[in-house]
N, C-alpha and C. Protein backbone atom coordinates (compact mmCIF):
# COMPACT_ATOMS: atom_id res chain seq x y z
N MET A 1 0.84 -1.18 0.00
CA MET A 1 0.00 0.00 0.00
C MET A 1 0.89 1.25 0.00
N ARG A 2 0.55 2.19 -0.82
CA ARG A 2 1.33 3.42 -0.92
C ARG A 2 0.98 4.36 0.22
N GLU A 3 2.03 4.95 0.85
CA GLU A 3 1.81 5.87 1.96
C GLU A 3 1.26 7.19 1.45
N ARG A 4 0.33 7.74 2.18
CA ARG A 4 -0.29 9.00 1.83
C ARG A 4 0.63 10.15 2.26
N ILE A 5 0.91 11.09 1.36
CA ILE A 5 1.74 12.24 1.68
C ILE A 5 0.88 13.27 2.39
N VAL A 6 1.36 13.72 3.55
CA VAL A 6 0.59 14.66 4.35
C VAL A 6 1.13 16.08 4.22
N ASP A 7 2.45 16.24 4.23
CA ASP A 7 3.02 17.57 4.31
C ASP A 7 4.49 17.50 3.91
N VAL A 8 5.11 18.64 3.83
CA VAL A 8 6.55 18.71 3.60
C VAL A 8 7.17 19.30 4.86
N ALA A 9 8.24 18.70 5.34
CA ALA A 9 8.92 19.18 6.55
C ALA A 9 10.40 19.33 6.24
N HIS A 10 11.16 19.79 7.19
CA HIS A 10 12.60 19.93 7.03
C HIS A 10 13.29 19.06 8.05
N SER A 11 14.33 18.37 7.62
CA SER A 11 15.09 17.52 8.52
C SER A 11 16.09 18.37 9.29
N VAL A 12 16.82 17.73 10.18
CA VAL A 12 17.85 18.41 10.96
C VAL A 12 18.86 19.08 10.05
N HIS A 13 19.13 18.48 8.92
CA HIS A 13 20.13 18.99 8.00
C HIS A 13 19.57 20.00 7.00
N GLY A 14 18.33 20.42 7.18
CA GLY A 14 17.74 21.43 6.32
C GLY A 14 17.29 20.91 4.97
N VAL A 15 17.20 19.60 4.80
CA VAL A 15 16.80 18.99 3.55
C VAL A 15 15.29 18.76 3.59
N SER A 16 14.59 19.20 2.55
CA SER A 16 13.16 18.97 2.49
C SER A 16 12.86 17.49 2.33
N VAL A 17 11.93 17.01 3.12
CA VAL A 17 11.53 15.61 3.04
C VAL A 17 10.01 15.54 2.99
N ARG A 18 9.52 14.51 2.35
CA ARG A 18 8.08 14.31 2.30
C ARG A 18 7.66 13.63 3.59
N LEU A 19 6.62 14.14 4.20
CA LEU A 19 6.17 13.64 5.49
C LEU A 19 4.86 12.89 5.32
N THR A 20 4.91 11.60 5.56
CA THR A 20 3.71 10.78 5.47
C THR A 20 2.99 10.79 6.81
N HIS A 21 1.77 10.32 6.80
CA HIS A 21 1.01 10.20 8.04
C HIS A 21 1.74 9.29 9.03
N GLU A 22 2.30 8.19 8.53
CA GLU A 22 3.01 7.25 9.39
C GLU A 22 4.26 7.89 9.99
N ARG A 23 4.99 8.67 9.18
CA ARG A 23 6.19 9.34 9.66
C ARG A 23 5.83 10.39 10.71
N ARG A 24 4.76 11.13 10.47
CA ARG A 24 4.31 12.12 11.45
C ARG A 24 3.97 11.43 12.77
N CYS A 25 3.29 10.30 12.74
CA CYS A 25 2.96 9.56 13.96
C CYS A 25 4.23 9.09 14.67
N HIS A 26 5.23 8.66 13.88
CA HIS A 26 6.50 8.22 14.46
C HIS A 26 7.19 9.39 15.18
N ILE A 27 7.18 10.57 14.58
CA ILE A 27 7.78 11.75 15.20
C ILE A 27 7.05 12.09 16.50
N VAL A 28 5.74 12.03 16.49
CA VAL A 28 4.96 12.31 17.70
C VAL A 28 5.29 11.29 18.78
N ASP A 29 5.40 10.02 18.42
CA ASP A 29 5.77 8.98 19.39
C ASP A 29 7.15 9.26 20.00
N MET A 30 8.12 9.62 19.15
CA MET A 30 9.48 9.91 19.65
C MET A 30 9.46 11.13 20.58
N CYS A 31 8.71 12.16 20.23
CA CYS A 31 8.64 13.35 21.07
C CYS A 31 7.94 13.05 22.39
N SER A 32 6.95 12.19 22.37
CA SER A 32 6.26 11.80 23.61
C SER A 32 7.22 11.06 24.54
N ALA A 33 8.02 10.15 23.99
CA ALA A 33 9.00 9.43 24.79
C ALA A 33 10.05 10.40 25.33
N LEU A 34 10.48 11.34 24.49
CA LEU A 34 11.46 12.34 24.91
C LEU A 34 10.90 13.19 26.05
N ALA A 35 9.65 13.60 25.93
CA ALA A 35 9.03 14.41 26.98
C ALA A 35 8.98 13.65 28.29
N ARG A 36 8.62 12.39 28.25
CA ARG A 36 8.56 11.55 29.45
C ARG A 36 9.94 11.48 30.11
N ASP A 37 10.98 11.26 29.31
CA ASP A 37 12.34 11.18 29.84
C ASP A 37 12.83 12.53 30.38
N MET A 38 12.52 13.60 29.66
CA MET A 38 12.98 14.93 30.09
C MET A 38 12.29 15.37 31.37
N LEU A 39 11.03 15.00 31.53
CA LEU A 39 10.31 15.37 32.75
C LEU A 39 10.84 14.63 33.97
N ALA A 40 11.56 13.54 33.75
CA ALA A 40 12.16 12.79 34.85
C ALA A 40 13.47 13.45 35.32
N LEU A 41 14.02 14.36 34.52
CA LEU A 41 15.25 15.05 34.92
C LEU A 41 14.96 16.02 36.07
N PRO A 42 15.93 16.21 36.95
CA PRO A 42 15.72 17.13 38.09
C PRO A 42 16.00 18.59 37.70
N VAL A 43 15.56 19.00 36.53
CA VAL A 43 15.75 20.38 36.06
C VAL A 43 14.44 20.89 35.49
N ARG A 44 14.31 22.20 35.43
CA ARG A 44 13.08 22.80 34.90
C ARG A 44 13.19 23.19 33.44
N ASN A 45 14.40 23.51 32.98
CA ASN A 45 14.61 23.97 31.61
C ASN A 45 15.69 23.15 30.94
N VAL A 46 15.50 22.92 29.64
CA VAL A 46 16.49 22.19 28.85
C VAL A 46 16.58 22.86 27.48
N TRP A 47 17.82 23.16 27.07
CA TRP A 47 18.09 23.67 25.73
C TRP A 47 18.99 22.67 25.04
N MET A 48 18.71 22.40 23.77
CA MET A 48 19.55 21.48 23.01
C MET A 48 19.97 22.17 21.72
N ASP A 49 21.26 22.03 21.41
CA ASP A 49 21.82 22.55 20.17
C ASP A 49 22.63 21.44 19.54
N TYR A 50 22.46 21.26 18.25
CA TYR A 50 23.19 20.22 17.54
C TYR A 50 24.05 20.85 16.46
N ASP A 51 25.34 20.53 16.47
CA ASP A 51 26.28 20.97 15.45
C ASP A 51 26.47 19.80 14.50
N ASP A 52 25.84 19.86 13.33
CA ASP A 52 25.89 18.71 12.42
C ASP A 52 27.26 18.53 11.77
N GLU A 53 28.03 19.60 11.62
CA GLU A 53 29.38 19.44 11.06
C GLU A 53 30.28 18.67 12.02
N ALA A 54 30.19 18.99 13.30
CA ALA A 54 31.02 18.33 14.31
C ALA A 54 30.34 17.10 14.89
N ASP A 55 29.05 16.91 14.61
CA ASP A 55 28.25 15.81 15.16
C ASP A 55 28.29 15.82 16.68
N VAL A 56 28.01 17.01 17.24
CA VAL A 56 28.03 17.18 18.69
C VAL A 56 26.68 17.74 19.14
N LEU A 57 26.11 17.11 20.17
CA LEU A 57 24.87 17.57 20.77
C LEU A 57 25.19 18.23 22.10
N TYR A 58 24.77 19.48 22.23
CA TYR A 58 24.99 20.23 23.47
C TYR A 58 23.65 20.34 24.19
N ILE A 59 23.62 19.88 25.42
CA ILE A 59 22.40 19.95 26.23
C ILE A 59 22.71 20.85 27.42
N SER A 60 21.93 21.90 27.59
CA SER A 60 22.15 22.84 28.68
C SER A 60 20.94 22.87 29.59
N PHE A 61 21.20 22.98 30.89
CA PHE A 61 20.13 23.05 31.88
C PHE A 61 19.95 24.46 32.43
N ARG A 62 20.85 25.35 32.03
CA ARG A 62 20.68 26.77 32.31
C ARG A 62 21.49 27.55 31.28
N LYS A 63 21.03 28.76 31.00
CA LYS A 63 21.71 29.63 30.04
C LYS A 63 22.03 30.94 30.72
N PRO A 64 23.25 31.41 30.65
CA PRO A 64 24.43 30.68 30.18
C PRO A 64 24.85 29.63 31.20
N GLN A 65 25.57 28.62 30.73
CA GLN A 65 25.97 27.53 31.62
C GLN A 65 26.89 27.99 32.72
N ARG A 66 27.90 28.78 32.37
CA ARG A 66 28.93 29.22 33.32
C ARG A 66 29.51 28.04 34.09
N ALA A 67 29.89 27.02 33.37
CA ALA A 67 30.48 25.83 34.00
C ALA A 67 31.88 26.16 34.52
N THR A 68 32.18 25.59 35.66
CA THR A 68 33.50 25.77 36.26
C THR A 68 34.34 24.51 36.15
N LYS A 69 33.71 23.42 35.73
CA LYS A 69 34.40 22.14 35.67
C LYS A 69 33.76 21.28 34.58
N THR A 70 34.59 20.54 33.86
CA THR A 70 34.11 19.58 32.87
C THR A 70 34.66 18.21 33.25
N VAL A 71 33.76 17.23 33.33
CA VAL A 71 34.15 15.87 33.69
C VAL A 71 33.86 14.95 32.51
N GLU A 72 34.88 14.23 32.04
CA GLU A 72 34.69 13.25 30.98
C GLU A 72 34.23 11.96 31.64
N VAL A 73 32.97 11.60 31.42
CA VAL A 73 32.42 10.42 32.08
C VAL A 73 32.38 9.21 31.15
N ASP A 74 32.63 9.45 29.89
CA ASP A 74 32.66 8.38 28.89
C ASP A 74 33.47 8.92 27.73
N GLU A 75 33.87 8.06 26.82
CA GLU A 75 34.70 8.49 25.70
C GLU A 75 34.10 9.65 24.93
N ASP A 76 32.79 9.68 24.81
CA ASP A 76 32.11 10.71 24.02
C ASP A 76 31.17 11.59 24.83
N ILE A 77 31.24 11.54 26.15
CA ILE A 77 30.30 12.29 26.97
C ILE A 77 31.04 13.15 27.99
N LEU A 78 30.73 14.45 27.96
CA LEU A 78 31.29 15.39 28.92
C LEU A 78 30.14 15.96 29.76
N VAL A 79 30.36 16.03 31.07
CA VAL A 79 29.38 16.64 31.97
C VAL A 79 29.95 17.97 32.41
N ARG A 80 29.16 19.03 32.21
CA ARG A 80 29.59 20.38 32.57
C ARG A 80 28.96 20.72 33.92
N GLN A 81 29.81 21.18 34.86
CA GLN A 81 29.34 21.46 36.20
C GLN A 81 29.70 22.88 36.64
N ASP A 82 28.89 23.42 37.52
CA ASP A 82 29.18 24.64 38.25
C ASP A 82 29.13 24.23 39.71
N GLY A 83 30.30 24.02 40.28
CA GLY A 83 30.34 23.44 41.62
C GLY A 83 29.85 22.01 41.56
N ARG A 84 28.85 21.69 42.35
CA ARG A 84 28.28 20.33 42.34
C ARG A 84 27.01 20.24 41.49
N THR A 85 26.65 21.34 40.84
CA THR A 85 25.45 21.38 40.01
C THR A 85 25.78 21.07 38.56
N VAL A 86 25.09 20.11 37.97
CA VAL A 86 25.26 19.79 36.55
C VAL A 86 24.50 20.85 35.76
N VAL A 87 25.23 21.55 34.88
CA VAL A 87 24.62 22.62 34.09
C VAL A 87 24.53 22.26 32.61
N GLY A 88 25.14 21.12 32.22
CA GLY A 88 25.05 20.71 30.83
C GLY A 88 25.75 19.39 30.57
N VAL A 89 25.44 18.83 29.42
CA VAL A 89 26.03 17.58 28.95
C VAL A 89 26.37 17.77 27.48
N THR A 90 27.55 17.31 27.08
CA THR A 90 27.96 17.35 25.68
C THR A 90 28.14 15.92 25.21
N ILE A 91 27.49 15.58 24.09
CA ILE A 91 27.59 14.23 23.53
C ILE A 91 28.23 14.35 22.15
N MET A 92 29.46 13.85 22.06
CA MET A 92 30.18 13.85 20.79
C MET A 92 29.79 12.61 19.99
N ASN A 93 29.93 12.67 18.67
CA ASN A 93 29.49 11.58 17.78
C ASN A 93 28.03 11.24 18.07
N ALA A 94 27.23 12.28 18.25
CA ALA A 94 25.85 12.13 18.70
C ALA A 94 24.98 11.30 17.75
N SER A 95 25.19 11.44 16.46
CA SER A 95 24.32 10.73 15.51
C SER A 95 24.55 9.23 15.53
N THR A 96 25.70 8.79 16.02
CA THR A 96 25.98 7.35 16.06
C THR A 96 26.07 6.82 17.48
N HIS A 97 25.89 7.72 18.46
CA HIS A 97 25.99 7.29 19.86
C HIS A 97 24.80 6.39 20.20
N ARG A 98 25.06 5.32 20.87
CA ARG A 98 24.01 4.33 21.16
C ARG A 98 23.44 4.44 22.57
N GLY A 99 23.92 5.37 23.36
CA GLY A 99 23.40 5.49 24.72
C GLY A 99 23.80 4.30 25.55
N GLY A 100 22.96 3.96 26.50
CA GLY A 100 23.28 2.84 27.36
C GLY A 100 24.39 3.14 28.34
N PHE A 101 24.70 4.42 28.53
CA PHE A 101 25.77 4.81 29.45
C PHE A 101 25.37 4.45 30.86
N ARG A 102 26.28 3.90 31.59
CA ARG A 102 26.08 3.59 33.01
C ARG A 102 27.07 4.41 33.81
N ALA A 103 26.60 5.08 34.81
CA ALA A 103 27.46 5.99 35.58
C ALA A 103 28.65 5.24 36.19
N ARG A 104 29.80 5.49 35.61
CA ARG A 104 31.03 4.92 36.14
C ARG A 104 31.80 6.01 36.87
N ALA A 105 31.96 7.14 36.21
CA ALA A 105 32.80 8.19 36.76
C ALA A 105 31.96 9.32 37.38
N CYS A 106 30.65 9.20 37.38
CA CYS A 106 29.81 10.27 37.93
C CYS A 106 29.92 10.21 39.42
């Protein structure tokens, strides 16, 4: 069965893509899961910036971060702190990172 085209959207890389009803539902499902996970964080605000050239995802819990310390907790994960407060996380190789990190050095 041919998918029905609903709309045109833009991807992270700025490329126009055709958005089917099924794809739109998939995006809504992913955002719902993301919202559930983000609401479990002990922070009120979250900003995310992605640098596609460097493939780095920057997650900030306050703006500006004003971090005083950076802790490398995994080969591709940096935790930015101000004192004992986590103010951000940097994930390098973000598009290929598989998650599953377990706190070893935290």
